[in-house]
Amino acid sequence: MMVRNKLIAAATIILLVAATGNAEDFTALPGLWKTTYQLKGAGPTEASQIKWHCVDEDDDPWISFAHLQVLPQESCKRVGFSHTSSSLKWRLDCTGAYALTNDGSIVFDSPQHYSGTVKLTGALMGYPIDETIRVEGQHRAACTSAAD
């Protein structure tokens, strides 16, 4: 279970590094978003994580909607990146304890919803990894304060 949680955490490393783009061409809604990460093939409660975050109209949407954190001790290099007004696709190579290649994409099917996958291959703290994580984001409400 701990390795699966680390896999999901490793997936959350990537989008923030991968994400840079032009905010003007992005059509998703600002507000409170719920993002669910689930290992492919796992049950609904097995190895899934939910993250809540607010996206401000002034934020860079590619970073804000991904809402993924890079661990300070990891080194990731973007080797592929593309986006449209409703999709984001990336590839990152990371070194360190998370020596991973991360291929991923998300697609917005509406301004209130996106889904995608993150494919992780390589090694996680010396253990071989070959996993796919499903990602789904849903707009839930307006944010009530900057602290949301």
Protein backbone atom coordinates (compact mmCIF):
# COMPACT_ATOMS: atom_id res chain seq x y z
CA MET A 1 0.00 0.00 0.00
CA MET A 2 2.85 2.39 0.81
CA VAL A 3 4.45 1.83 -2.62
CA ARG A 4 1.10 2.55 -4.33
CA ASN A 5 0.75 5.79 -2.35
CA LYS A 6 4.29 6.74 -3.38
CA LEU A 7 3.36 6.03 -7.01
CA ILE A 8 0.42 8.37 -6.79
CA ALA A 9 2.65 10.94 -5.10
CA ALA A 10 5.19 10.52 -7.89
CA ALA A 11 2.48 11.21 -10.45
CA THR A 12 1.71 14.43 -8.65
CA ILE A 13 5.31 15.53 -9.13
CA ILE A 14 5.01 15.92 -12.83
CA LEU A 15 2.30 18.25 -14.04
CA LEU A 16 3.61 21.30 -12.22
CA VAL A 17 6.98 20.93 -13.93
CA ALA A 18 5.36 20.09 -17.25
CA ALA A 19 2.85 22.88 -17.19
CA THR A 20 3.56 26.19 -18.84
CA GLY A 21 1.32 27.72 -21.43
CA ASN A 22 -0.75 30.63 -22.61
CA ALA A 23 -3.60 31.43 -20.22
CA GLU A 24 -5.61 33.30 -22.88
CA ASP A 25 -6.39 30.18 -24.89
CA PHE A 26 -7.59 28.11 -21.95
CA THR A 27 -11.32 27.57 -21.42
CA ALA A 28 -11.71 25.79 -18.04
CA LEU A 29 -13.53 27.47 -15.15
CA PRO A 30 -11.78 29.02 -12.15
CA GLY A 31 -12.98 27.93 -8.70
CA LEU A 32 -12.79 24.89 -6.43
CA TRP A 33 -11.61 21.72 -8.18
CA LYS A 34 -11.52 18.12 -6.98
CA THR A 35 -8.80 15.99 -8.60
CA THR A 36 -8.82 12.22 -8.18
CA TYR A 37 -5.76 10.04 -8.89
CA GLN A 38 -6.34 6.28 -9.17
CA LEU A 39 -3.99 3.48 -10.16
CA LYS A 40 -5.31 1.74 -13.26
CA GLY A 41 -6.80 -1.62 -12.32
CA ALA A 42 -7.18 -0.73 -8.64
CA GLY A 43 -10.57 -0.69 -6.94
CA PRO A 44 -12.33 2.61 -6.20
CA THR A 45 -10.90 2.86 -2.68
CA GLU A 46 -7.66 1.00 -3.39
CA ALA A 47 -4.71 3.31 -4.04
CA SER A 48 -6.64 6.44 -4.91
CA GLN A 49 -6.09 9.97 -3.68
CA ILE A 50 -8.23 13.08 -3.83
CA LYS A 51 -6.79 16.59 -3.89
CA TRP A 52 -8.87 19.77 -3.52
CA HIS A 53 -7.60 23.11 -4.78
CA CYS A 54 -8.77 26.56 -5.84
CA VAL A 55 -7.90 28.03 -9.19
CA ASP A 56 -7.91 31.82 -9.45
CA GLU A 57 -8.71 33.62 -12.71
CA ASP A 58 -5.25 35.22 -12.58
CA ASP A 59 -3.37 31.94 -12.13
CA ASP A 60 -1.55 30.23 -14.98
CA PRO A 61 -4.19 27.60 -15.77
CA TRP A 62 -1.75 24.92 -16.88
CA ILE A 63 -0.08 24.98 -13.49
CA SER A 64 -3.26 25.61 -11.49
CA PHE A 65 -5.40 22.85 -12.94
CA ALA A 66 -2.64 20.31 -12.67
CA HIS A 67 -2.10 21.30 -9.03
CA LEU A 68 0.80 18.92 -8.65
CA GLN A 69 3.82 19.51 -6.48
CA VAL A 70 7.44 18.81 -7.31
CA LEU A 71 9.43 17.40 -4.42
CA PRO A 72 12.38 19.71 -3.77
CA GLN A 73 14.93 16.87 -3.83
CA GLU A 74 13.83 15.65 -7.28
CA SER A 75 15.23 16.82 -10.59
CA CYS A 76 12.85 16.64 -13.56
CA LYS A 77 13.53 17.78 -17.10
CA ARG A 78 10.76 18.43 -19.58
CA VAL A 79 11.51 16.55 -22.80
CA GLY A 80 8.09 16.95 -24.42
CA PHE A 81 5.16 19.33 -24.05
CA SER A 82 2.16 20.41 -26.11
CA HIS A 83 -1.24 21.94 -25.41
CA THR A 84 -4.42 23.18 -27.02
CA SER A 85 -7.29 25.17 -25.54
CA SER A 86 -8.64 21.95 -24.00
CA SER A 87 -5.72 19.54 -23.60
CA LEU A 88 -2.24 19.16 -22.17
CA LYS A 89 0.33 16.49 -23.06
CA TRP A 90 3.82 16.13 -21.56
CA ARG A 91 6.83 13.93 -21.02
CA LEU A 92 9.32 14.38 -18.20
CA ASP A 93 12.44 12.52 -17.20
CA CYS A 94 13.21 12.66 -13.48
CA THR A 95 16.32 11.64 -11.55
CA GLY A 96 16.94 11.06 -7.86
CA ALA A 97 14.92 8.78 -5.59
CA TYR A 98 12.16 8.99 -8.23
CA ALA A 99 14.14 8.04 -11.36
CA LEU A 100 11.09 8.03 -13.60
CA THR A 101 9.87 8.81 -17.06
CA ASN A 102 6.47 10.40 -16.88
CA ASP A 103 4.22 10.50 -19.94
CA GLY A 104 0.85 12.07 -19.38
CA SER A 105 -2.09 13.91 -20.81
CA ILE A 106 -5.32 15.51 -19.70
CA VAL A 107 -8.28 16.52 -21.86
CA PHE A 108 -11.07 18.89 -20.86
CA ASP A 109 -14.38 17.57 -22.22
CA SER A 110 -16.07 20.66 -20.76
CA PRO A 111 -14.96 23.76 -18.81
CA GLN A 112 -15.98 21.86 -15.62
CA HIS A 113 -14.31 18.44 -16.18
CA TYR A 114 -11.10 16.83 -17.36
CA SER A 115 -9.67 13.34 -17.42
CA GLY A 116 -6.41 11.77 -18.45
CA THR A 117 -3.60 9.40 -17.63
CA VAL A 118 -0.10 9.51 -16.22
CA LYS A 119 2.23 6.64 -17.23
CA LEU A 120 5.19 6.15 -14.88
CA THR A 121 8.13 3.93 -15.81
CA GLY A 122 11.52 3.63 -14.17
CA ALA A 123 12.42 3.18 -10.52
CA LEU A 124 10.92 4.47 -7.30
CA MET A 125 13.55 4.42 -4.55
CA GLY A 126 15.23 1.48 -6.33
CA TYR A 127 12.04 -0.49 -7.02
CA PRO A 128 10.98 -0.95 -10.67
CA ILE A 129 7.84 0.93 -11.67
CA ASP A 130 5.52 0.49 -14.64
CA GLU A 131 2.15 1.98 -13.68
CA THR A 132 -0.64 4.00 -15.21
CA ILE A 133 -2.60 6.44 -13.06
CA ARG A 134 -5.99 7.80 -14.09
CA VAL A 135 -6.55 11.47 -13.36
CA GLU A 136 -9.95 13.16 -13.21
CA GLY A 137 -10.76 16.74 -12.28
CA GLN A 138 -14.20 18.17 -11.52
CA HIS A 139 -15.18 21.78 -10.91
CA ARG A 140 -17.19 21.87 -7.67
CA ALA A 141 -17.92 25.45 -6.67
CA ALA A 142 -16.67 29.01 -6.49
CA CYS A 143 -13.84 29.61 -4.05
CA THR A 144 -14.86 31.63 -1.02
CA SER A 145 -11.47 33.04 -0.03
CA ALA A 146 -7.81 33.08 -1.00
CA ALA A 147 -7.15 30.43 1.68
CA ASP A 148 -9.43 27.84 -0.03
